[in-house]
Amino acid sequence: MGKGIEYGNPKKVIKPKMFSIFSGWMCFVFATVSVCDIISLYIQSLNQERLEVKVIISILVIRLVYILAFLEVGIISLKMAKNIYFYDDGFVHGKNGEKTFYKNLHYFFISGLKPNKFQSIFYQAADGEYRNIFRHFFPIEVFNQLQEDVVKVTYSDAMENINNGGTEEFPFLAPKKFLFALSRKKIPEIIKKSMNEADKIKITREYMSIADKIYRWDQYRISGKFGNIVVEELNRRIVTKLPKLRVDRPNLLEALIETFNRS
């Protein structure tokens, strides 16, 4: 019995696109063809003494790179192309996956080319490690449910904290921050370290601050949809514009900004 079944019936299930599954398996097919090609090339080289060793080695290295690339893409595709099961309090990626709960969920989006669109989501799973899901593996509305539910679960606690004099903090990274490594296993470590050392957006009853620069609610109008932060004076003159920030818990941040902008 898969772990996902232990959580009861999900309220919504999003299935990956068939193309993502097909492309994953095709990568393994291409890798197999490349292996056969290398074997064939090696056999031919045994019968062609004039063929330079350097040429043979160069071709073999190039083919080997192709094989590794195909295998890597295939593994990533099939690993990510699993059903996502949504519940009121969290979601499960894959029928045997652990539930990731919204209450303490940390996540951010990698922005896409179009405004207010994103390419993927990095989220901190139950084991504390960051994982990535590419949006293009799924229908376009894949994370609409997550964005709605995470605010429902976390908004009231955040407001209670702020109303009692507390501060809600949202670490953020610049859109050009490099988050990749030669080894995929190193990426979660890089993200965790980067978020721990990142500047923060802070929300209180009196103001919002960005990297310790304070903007009072009664003196500015602020928007923050999908991490696109815009700060305007009351006469609508833009004083700060930070597009495509990779900000932690962007949907809760947006909900809090909207609340205090109306206050």
C-alpha atoms as a PDB file:
ATOM      1  CA  MET A   1       0.000   0.000   0.000  1.00  0.00           C
ATOM      2  CA  GLY A   2       1.415   3.391  -1.015  1.00  0.00           C
ATOM      3  CA  LYS A   3       1.993   6.037   1.590  1.00  0.00           C
ATOM      4  CA  GLY A   4      -0.334   8.411  -0.249  1.00  0.00           C
ATOM      5  CA  ILE A   5      -3.265   6.080   0.412  1.00  0.00           C
ATOM      6  CA  GLU A   6      -2.745   6.502   4.164  1.00  0.00           C
ATOM      7  CA  TYR A   7      -3.828  10.127   3.916  1.00  0.00           C
ATOM      8  CA  GLY A   8      -7.338   9.333   2.722  1.00  0.00           C
ATOM      9  CA  ASN A   9      -9.091  10.506  -0.407  1.00  0.00           C
ATOM     10  CA  PRO A  10      -7.554  13.622  -1.987  1.00  0.00           C
ATOM     11  CA  LYS A  11      -9.849  16.440  -2.992  1.00  0.00           C
ATOM     12  CA  LYS A  12      -8.010  16.874  -6.281  1.00  0.00           C
ATOM     13  CA  VAL A  13      -5.546  14.882  -8.370  1.00  0.00           C
ATOM     14  CA  ILE A  14      -3.409  16.438 -11.085  1.00  0.00           C
ATOM     15  CA  LYS A  15      -1.888  13.999 -13.563  1.00  0.00           C
ATOM     16  CA  PRO A  16       1.267  14.751 -15.562  1.00  0.00           C
ATOM     17  CA  LYS A  17       1.073  15.358 -19.268  1.00  0.00           C
ATOM     18  CA  MET A  18       1.501  12.206 -21.323  1.00  0.00           C
ATOM     19  CA  PHE A  19       4.219  13.970 -23.292  1.00  0.00           C
ATOM     20  CA  SER A  20       6.409  14.288 -20.180  1.00  0.00           C
ATOM     21  CA  ILE A  21       6.191  10.537 -19.523  1.00  0.00           C
ATOM     22  CA  PHE A  22       6.758   9.710 -23.190  1.00  0.00           C
ATOM     23  CA  SER A  23       9.778  12.041 -23.430  1.00  0.00           C
ATOM     24  CA  GLY A  24      11.285  10.457 -20.308  1.00  0.00           C
ATOM     25  CA  TRP A  25      11.143   6.964 -21.794  1.00  0.00           C
ATOM     26  CA  MET A  26      12.372   8.229 -25.170  1.00  0.00           C
ATOM     27  CA  CYS A  27      15.502   9.542 -23.464  1.00  0.00           C
ATOM     28  CA  PHE A  28      16.271   5.989 -22.304  1.00  0.00           C
ATOM     29  CA  VAL A  29      15.685   4.741 -25.860  1.00  0.00           C
ATOM     30  CA  PHE A  30      18.111   7.346 -27.239  1.00  0.00           C
ATOM     31  CA  ALA A  31      20.662   6.395 -24.570  1.00  0.00           C
ATOM     32  CA  THR A  32      20.382   2.723 -25.558  1.00  0.00           C
ATOM     33  CA  VAL A  33      20.796   3.595 -29.235  1.00  0.00           C
ATOM     34  CA  SER A  34      23.892   5.647 -28.369  1.00  0.00           C
ATOM     35  CA  VAL A  35      25.405   2.702 -26.464  1.00  0.00           C
ATOM     36  CA  CYS A  36      24.859   0.458 -29.471  1.00  0.00           C
ATOM     37  CA  ASP A  37      26.410   3.129 -31.670  1.00  0.00           C
ATOM     38  CA  ILE A  38      29.526   3.239 -29.481  1.00  0.00           C
ATOM     39  CA  ILE A  39      29.881  -0.547 -29.616  1.00  0.00           C
ATOM     40  CA  SER A  40      29.507  -0.463 -33.388  1.00  0.00           C
ATOM     41  CA  LEU A  41      32.099   2.307 -33.680  1.00  0.00           C
ATOM     42  CA  TYR A  42      34.550   0.362 -31.522  1.00  0.00           C
ATOM     43  CA  ILE A  43      34.161  -2.764 -33.678  1.00  0.00           C
ATOM     44  CA  GLN A  44      34.711  -0.720 -36.827  1.00  0.00           C
ATOM     45  CA  SER A  45      37.840   0.877 -35.363  1.00  0.00           C
ATOM     46  CA  LEU A  46      39.368  -2.576 -34.824  1.00  0.00           C
ATOM     47  CA  ASN A  47      39.143  -3.153 -38.574  1.00  0.00           C
ATOM     48  CA  GLN A  48      40.453   0.289 -39.548  1.00  0.00           C
ATOM     49  CA  GLU A  49      44.042   0.576 -38.381  1.00  0.00           C
ATOM     50  CA  ARG A  50      44.483   3.916 -40.127  1.00  0.00           C
ATOM     51  CA  LEU A  51      41.786   5.593 -38.074  1.00  0.00           C
ATOM     52  CA  GLU A  52      43.573   7.849 -35.605  1.00  0.00           C
ATOM     53  CA  VAL A  53      43.283   7.009 -31.938  1.00  0.00           C
ATOM     54  CA  LYS A  54      42.553  10.648 -31.061  1.00  0.00           C
ATOM     55  CA  VAL A  55      39.597  10.690 -33.440  1.00  0.00           C
ATOM     56  CA  ILE A  56      38.183   7.503 -31.938  1.00  0.00           C
ATOM     57  CA  ILE A  57      38.577   8.774 -28.386  1.00  0.00           C
ATOM     58  CA  SER A  58      36.966  12.132 -29.261  1.00  0.00           C
ATOM     59  CA  ILE A  59      33.957  10.470 -30.836  1.00  0.00           C
ATOM     60  CA  LEU A  60      33.567   8.050 -27.913  1.00  0.00           C
ATOM     61  CA  VAL A  61      33.718  10.891 -25.366  1.00  0.00           C
ATOM     62  CA  ILE A  62      31.103  12.907 -27.251  1.00  0.00           C
ATOM     63  CA  ARG A  63      28.807   9.894 -27.482  1.00  0.00           C
ATOM     64  CA  LEU A  64      29.309   9.170 -23.785  1.00  0.00           C
ATOM     65  CA  VAL A  65      28.276  12.731 -22.924  1.00  0.00           C
ATOM     66  CA  TYR A  66      25.140  12.245 -25.010  1.00  0.00           C
ATOM     67  CA  ILE A  67      24.339   9.030 -23.139  1.00  0.00           C
ATOM     68  CA  LEU A  68      24.758  10.638 -19.721  1.00  0.00           C
ATOM     69  CA  ALA A  69      22.647  13.622 -20.776  1.00  0.00           C
ATOM     70  CA  PHE A  70      19.835  11.401 -22.079  1.00  0.00           C
ATOM     71  CA  LEU A  71      19.895   9.302 -18.901  1.00  0.00           C
ATOM     72  CA  GLU A  72      19.838  12.373 -16.652  1.00  0.00           C
ATOM     73  CA  VAL A  73      16.911  13.964 -18.486  1.00  0.00           C
ATOM     74  CA  GLY A  74      15.053  10.639 -18.577  1.00  0.00           C
ATOM     75  CA  ILE A  75      15.472  10.071 -14.835  1.00  0.00           C
ATOM     76  CA  ILE A  76      14.380  13.621 -13.989  1.00  0.00           C
ATOM     77  CA  SER A  77      11.361  13.420 -16.289  1.00  0.00           C
ATOM     78  CA  LEU A  78      10.071  10.117 -14.933  1.00  0.00           C
ATOM     79  CA  LYS A  79      10.798  11.108 -11.333  1.00  0.00           C
ATOM     80  CA  MET A  80       8.787  14.323 -11.645  1.00  0.00           C
ATOM     81  CA  ALA A  81       6.040  13.036 -13.939  1.00  0.00           C
ATOM     82  CA  LYS A  82       3.940  11.581 -11.114  1.00  0.00           C
ATOM     83  CA  ASN A  83       0.440  12.384  -9.938  1.00  0.00           C
ATOM     84  CA  ILE A  84       0.095  15.204  -7.404  1.00  0.00           C
ATOM     85  CA  TYR A  85      -2.574  14.565  -4.767  1.00  0.00           C
ATOM     86  CA  PHE A  86      -4.005  17.655  -3.090  1.00  0.00           C
ATOM     87  CA  TYR A  87      -5.553  17.659   0.388  1.00  0.00           C
ATOM     88  CA  ASP A  88      -6.891  20.478   2.560  1.00  0.00           C
ATOM     89  CA  ASP A  89      -3.731  20.493   4.670  1.00  0.00           C
ATOM     90  CA  GLY A  90      -1.052  19.552   2.122  1.00  0.00           C
ATOM     91  CA  PHE A  91      -0.104  17.625  -1.000  1.00  0.00           C
ATOM     92  CA  VAL A  92       1.623  14.384  -1.992  1.00  0.00           C
ATOM     93  CA  HIS A  93       3.832  14.009  -5.076  1.00  0.00           C
ATOM     94  CA  GLY A  94       3.520  10.423  -6.273  1.00  0.00           C
ATOM     95  CA  LYS A  95       1.339   7.689  -4.741  1.00  0.00           C
ATOM     96  CA  ASN A  96       4.190   6.588  -2.449  1.00  0.00           C
ATOM     97  CA  GLY A  97       5.268  10.093  -1.496  1.00  0.00           C
ATOM     98  CA  GLU A  98       5.296  11.719   1.937  1.00  0.00           C
ATOM     99  CA  LYS A  99       2.739  14.432   2.548  1.00  0.00           C
ATOM    100  CA  THR A 100       4.092  17.967   2.490  1.00  0.00           C
ATOM    101  CA  PHE A 101       2.004  20.037   4.902  1.00  0.00           C
ATOM    102  CA  TYR A 102       1.022  23.614   4.130  1.00  0.00           C
ATOM    103  CA  LYS A 103       1.282  24.838   7.734  1.00  0.00           C
ATOM    104  CA  ASN A 104       5.079  25.045   7.774  1.00  0.00           C
ATOM    105  CA  LEU A 105       5.664  24.929   4.043  1.00  0.00           C
ATOM    106  CA  HIS A 106       8.539  26.946   2.590  1.00  0.00           C
ATOM    107  CA  TYR A 107       8.553  27.318  -1.186  1.00  0.00           C
ATOM    108  CA  PHE A 108       9.299  29.730  -4.001  1.00  0.00           C
ATOM    109  CA  PHE A 109       8.700  29.984  -7.716  1.00  0.00           C
ATOM    110  CA  ILE A 110      11.161  30.269 -10.581  1.00  0.00           C
ATOM    111  CA  SER A 111       9.548  32.912 -12.787  1.00  0.00           C
ATOM    112  CA  GLY A 112       8.708  32.252 -16.406  1.00  0.00           C
ATOM    113  CA  LEU A 113       9.087  34.470 -19.442  1.00  0.00           C
ATOM    114  CA  LYS A 114       5.563  35.885 -19.178  1.00  0.00           C
ATOM    115  CA  PRO A 115       4.474  38.168 -16.321  1.00  0.00           C
ATOM    116  CA  ASN A 116       3.021  36.367 -13.280  1.00  0.00           C
ATOM    117  CA  LYS A 117       3.884  32.948 -14.730  1.00  0.00           C
ATOM    118  CA  PHE A 118       6.442  30.505 -13.416  1.00  0.00           C
ATOM    119  CA  GLN A 119       8.579  27.667 -14.757  1.00  0.00           C
ATOM    120  CA  SER A 120       8.881  25.571 -11.610  1.00  0.00           C
ATOM    121  CA  ILE A 121       8.479  25.460  -7.862  1.00  0.00           C
ATOM    122  CA  PHE A 122      11.094  24.629  -5.244  1.00  0.00           C
ATOM    123  CA  TYR A 123       9.569  23.455  -1.966  1.00  0.00           C
ATOM    124  CA  GLN A 124      10.903  22.137   1.320  1.00  0.00           C
ATOM    125  CA  ALA A 125       9.637  18.582   1.776  1.00  0.00           C
ATOM    126  CA  ALA A 126       8.869  16.766   5.023  1.00  0.00           C
ATOM    127  CA  ASP A 127      12.510  15.699   5.384  1.00  0.00           C
ATOM    128  CA  GLY A 128      13.689  19.318   5.213  1.00  0.00           C
ATOM    129  CA  GLU A 129      15.252  18.978   1.749  1.00  0.00           C
ATOM    130  CA  TYR A 130      14.239  21.235  -1.143  1.00  0.00           C
ATOM    131  CA  ARG A 131      12.672  19.530  -4.130  1.00  0.00           C
ATOM    132  CA  ASN A 132      11.719  20.837  -7.536  1.00  0.00           C
ATOM    133  CA  ILE A 133       8.679  20.287  -9.753  1.00  0.00           C
ATOM    134  CA  PHE A 134       8.641  21.664 -13.292  1.00  0.00           C
ATOM    135  CA  ARG A 135       5.313  23.224 -14.224  1.00  0.00           C
ATOM    136  CA  HIS A 136       5.538  22.234 -17.895  1.00  0.00           C
ATOM    137  CA  PHE A 137       5.275  18.556 -16.897  1.00  0.00           C
ATOM    138  CA  PHE A 138       1.678  19.255 -15.823  1.00  0.00           C
ATOM    139  CA  PRO A 139      -1.426  21.140 -16.988  1.00  0.00           C
ATOM    140  CA  ILE A 140      -1.100  24.898 -16.589  1.00  0.00           C
ATOM    141  CA  GLU A 141      -3.383  25.017 -13.525  1.00  0.00           C
ATOM    142  CA  VAL A 142      -1.302  22.481 -11.570  1.00  0.00           C
ATOM    143  CA  PHE A 143      -0.386  24.759  -8.658  1.00  0.00           C
ATOM    144  CA  ASN A 144      -3.566  26.836  -8.464  1.00  0.00           C
ATOM    145  CA  GLN A 145      -4.868  24.527  -5.745  1.00  0.00           C
ATOM    146  CA  LEU A 146      -1.657  24.777  -3.715  1.00  0.00           C
ATOM    147  CA  GLN A 147      -1.653  28.562  -3.892  1.00  0.00           C
ATOM    148  CA  GLU A 148      -5.234  28.780  -2.668  1.00  0.00           C
ATOM    149  CA  ASP A 149      -4.930  26.216   0.117  1.00  0.00           C
ATOM    150  CA  VAL A 150      -1.594  27.344   1.526  1.00  0.00           C
ATOM    151  CA  VAL A 151      -3.067  30.793   2.185  1.00  0.00           C
ATOM    152  CA  LYS A 152      -6.180  29.305   3.809  1.00  0.00           C
ATOM    153  CA  VAL A 153      -4.026  27.283   6.196  1.00  0.00           C
ATOM    154  CA  THR A 154      -1.376  29.887   7.072  1.00  0.00           C
ATOM    155  CA  TYR A 155      -3.106  33.289   6.843  1.00  0.00           C
ATOM    156  CA  SER A 156      -4.916  33.313  10.194  1.00  0.00           C
ATOM    157  CA  ASP A 157      -1.806  32.315  12.181  1.00  0.00           C
ATOM    158  CA  ALA A 158       0.278  34.939  10.381  1.00  0.00           C
ATOM    159  CA  MET A 159      -2.306  37.650  11.090  1.00  0.00           C
ATOM    160  CA  GLU A 160      -2.527  36.630  14.732  1.00  0.00           C
ATOM    161  CA  ASN A 161       1.249  36.884  15.029  1.00  0.00           C
ATOM    162  CA  ILE A 162       1.310  40.335  13.417  1.00  0.00           C
ATOM    163  CA  ASN A 163      -1.648  41.649  15.455  1.00  0.00           C
ATOM    164  CA  ASN A 164       0.141  40.565  18.629  1.00  0.00           C
ATOM    165  CA  GLY A 165       3.149  42.681  17.675  1.00  0.00           C
ATOM    166  CA  GLY A 166       5.093  40.008  15.833  1.00  0.00           C
ATOM    167  CA  THR A 167       6.789  40.027  12.430  1.00  0.00           C
ATOM    168  CA  GLU A 168       6.345  37.714   9.476  1.00  0.00           C
ATOM    169  CA  GLU A 169       9.584  37.216   7.534  1.00  0.00           C
ATOM    170  CA  PHE A 170      10.000  36.188   3.909  1.00  0.00           C
ATOM    171  CA  PRO A 171      13.556  35.469   2.693  1.00  0.00           C
ATOM    172  CA  PHE A 172      14.088  36.256  -0.974  1.00  0.00           C
ATOM    173  CA  LEU A 173      16.682  35.703  -3.677  1.00  0.00           C
ATOM    174  CA  ALA A 174      17.374  37.820  -6.734  1.00  0.00           C
ATOM    175  CA  PRO A 175      16.119  36.295 -10.011  1.00  0.00           C
ATOM    176  CA  LYS A 176      19.692  35.913 -11.294  1.00  0.00           C
ATOM    177  CA  LYS A 177      20.873  34.021  -8.211  1.00  0.00           C
ATOM    178  CA  PHE A 178      22.595  30.844  -9.414  1.00  0.00           C
ATOM    179  CA  LEU A 179      20.921  27.794  -7.866  1.00  0.00           C
ATOM    180  CA  PHE A 180      22.415  24.943  -9.846  1.00  0.00           C
ATOM    181  CA  ALA A 181      25.383  22.618  -9.497  1.00  0.00           C
ATOM    182  CA  LEU A 182      27.122  19.894 -11.486  1.00  0.00           C
ATOM    183  CA  SER A 183      25.560  17.353  -9.133  1.00  0.00           C
ATOM    184  CA  ARG A 184      21.779  17.476  -8.684  1.00  0.00           C
ATOM    185  CA  LYS A 185      22.261  16.255  -5.103  1.00  0.00           C
ATOM    186  CA  LYS A 186      24.059  19.513  -4.268  1.00  0.00           C
ATOM    187  CA  ILE A 187      21.207  21.753  -5.393  1.00  0.00           C
ATOM    188  CA  PRO A 188      19.073  21.360  -2.204  1.00  0.00           C
ATOM    189  CA  GLU A 189      22.114  22.268  -0.102  1.00  0.00           C
ATOM    190  CA  ILE A 190      22.778  25.370  -2.204  1.00  0.00           C
ATOM    191  CA  ILE A 191      19.142  26.475  -1.942  1.00  0.00           C
ATOM    192  CA  LYS A 192      18.938  25.918   1.814  1.00  0.00           C
ATOM    193  CA  LYS A 193      22.177  27.821   2.392  1.00  0.00           C
ATOM    194  CA  SER A 194      21.096  30.639   0.070  1.00  0.00           C
ATOM    195  CA  MET A 195      17.704  31.048   1.759  1.00  0.00           C
ATOM    196  CA  ASN A 196      19.269  31.020   5.237  1.00  0.00           C
ATOM    197  CA  GLU A 197      21.623  33.825   4.221  1.00  0.00           C
ATOM    198  CA  ALA A 198      19.132  35.787   2.106  1.00  0.00           C
ATOM    199  CA  ASP A 199      17.777  39.276   2.671  1.00  0.00           C
ATOM    200  CA  LYS A 200      14.225  39.365   4.014  1.00  0.00           C
ATOM    201  CA  ILE A 201      10.940  41.068   3.434  1.00  0.00           C
ATOM    202  CA  LYS A 202       9.306  41.741   6.793  1.00  0.00           C
ATOM    203  CA  ILE A 203       5.643  42.464   7.468  1.00  0.00           C
ATOM    204  CA  THR A 204       4.366  44.227  10.593  1.00  0.00           C
ATOM    205  CA  ARG A 205       1.207  46.190  11.347  1.00  0.00           C
ATOM    206  CA  GLU A 206       3.015  49.476  10.711  1.00  0.00           C
ATOM    207  CA  TYR A 207       5.214  48.755   7.720  1.00  0.00           C
ATOM    208  CA  MET A 208       6.787  46.393   5.231  1.00  0.00           C
ATOM    209  CA  SER A 209      10.578  46.351   4.935  1.00  0.00           C
ATOM    210  CA  ILE A 210      12.710  45.054   2.081  1.00  0.00           C
ATOM    211  CA  ALA A 211      16.285  44.279   3.155  1.00  0.00           C
ATOM    212  CA  ASP A 212      15.729  46.639   6.132  1.00  0.00           C
ATOM    213  CA  LYS A 213      14.423  49.508   3.944  1.00  0.00           C
ATOM    214  CA  ILE A 214      11.108  50.468   5.592  1.00  0.00           C
ATOM    215  CA  TYR A 215       7.915  51.388   3.740  1.00  0.00           C
ATOM    216  CA  ARG A 216       5.018  52.408   5.997  1.00  0.00           C
ATOM    217  CA  TRP A 217       1.531  51.271   5.011  1.00  0.00           C
ATOM    218  CA  ASP A 218       0.101  54.779   5.438  1.00  0.00           C
ATOM    219  CA  GLN A 219       2.714  56.309   3.124  1.00  0.00           C
ATOM    220  CA  TYR A 220       2.991  53.798   0.279  1.00  0.00           C
ATOM    221  CA  ARG A 221       0.982  51.462  -1.911  1.00  0.00           C
ATOM    222  CA  ILE A 222       2.587  48.056  -2.324  1.00  0.00           C
ATOM    223  CA  SER A 223       1.881  45.035  -4.522  1.00  0.00           C
ATOM    224  CA  GLY A 224       3.563  41.650  -4.489  1.00  0.00           C
ATOM    225  CA  LYS A 225       1.961  39.197  -6.908  1.00  0.00           C
ATOM    226  CA  PHE A 226       4.151  36.139  -7.576  1.00  0.00           C
ATOM    227  CA  GLY A 227       7.145  37.883  -6.032  1.00  0.00           C
ATOM    228  CA  ASN A 228       6.914  40.935  -8.295  1.00  0.00           C
ATOM    229  CA  ILE A 229       7.296  43.696  -5.703  1.00  0.00           C
ATOM    230  CA  VAL A 230       6.248  47.221  -6.604  1.00  0.00           C
ATOM    231  CA  VAL A 231       6.283  50.092  -4.087  1.00  0.00           C
ATOM    232  CA  GLU A 232       4.543  53.359  -5.025  1.00  0.00           C
ATOM    233  CA  GLU A 233       4.021  56.620  -3.274  1.00  0.00           C
ATOM    234  CA  LEU A 234       0.384  57.592  -2.724  1.00  0.00           C
ATOM    235  CA  ASN A 235       0.553  59.706  -5.890  1.00  0.00           C
ATOM    236  CA  ARG A 236       1.428  56.491  -7.812  1.00  0.00           C
ATOM    237  CA  ARG A 237       5.078  57.378  -8.404  1.00  0.00           C
ATOM    238  CA  ILE A 238       7.086  54.140  -8.344  1.00  0.00           C
ATOM    239  CA  VAL A 239       9.951  54.218  -5.835  1.00  0.00           C
ATOM    240  CA  THR A 240      10.941  50.534  -5.831  1.00  0.00           C
ATOM    241  CA  LYS A 241      10.376  47.804  -8.374  1.00  0.00           C
ATOM    242  CA  LEU A 242      11.758  44.293  -7.841  1.00  0.00           C
ATOM    243  CA  PRO A 243      10.463  41.876 -10.502  1.00  0.00           C
ATOM    244  CA  LYS A 244      10.607  38.080 -10.364  1.00  0.00           C
ATOM    245  CA  LEU A 245      11.991  37.752  -6.843  1.00  0.00           C
ATOM    246  CA  ARG A 246      12.338  34.179  -5.636  1.00  0.00           C
ATOM    247  CA  VAL A 247      10.558  34.924  -2.399  1.00  0.00           C
ATOM    248  CA  ASP A 248       9.623  32.394   0.260  1.00  0.00           C
ATOM    249  CA  ARG A 249       5.854  31.788   0.689  1.00  0.00           C
ATOM    250  CA  PRO A 250       4.908  34.285  -2.072  1.00  0.00           C
ATOM    251  CA  ASN A 251       1.154  33.689  -1.834  1.00  0.00           C
ATOM    252  CA  LEU A 252       0.973  34.417   1.891  1.00  0.00           C
ATOM    253  CA  LEU A 253       3.119  37.509   1.321  1.00  0.00           C
ATOM    254  CA  GLU A 254       0.718  38.717  -1.362  1.00  0.00           C
ATOM    255  CA  ALA A 255      -2.313  38.112   0.906  1.00  0.00           C
ATOM    256  CA  LEU A 256      -0.747  40.060   3.790  1.00  0.00           C
ATOM    257  CA  ILE A 257       0.237  42.957   1.529  1.00  0.00           C
ATOM    258  CA  GLU A 258      -3.328  43.177   0.204  1.00  0.00           C
ATOM    259  CA  THR A 259      -4.688  43.171   3.753  1.00  0.00           C
ATOM    260  CA  PHE A 260      -2.540  45.999   5.056  1.00  0.00           C
ATOM    261  CA  ASN A 261      -2.841  48.043   1.869  1.00  0.00           C
ATOM    262  CA  ARG A 262      -6.587  48.159   2.548  1.00  0.00           C
ATOM    263  CA  SER A 263      -6.202  48.980   6.250  1.00  0.00           C
END
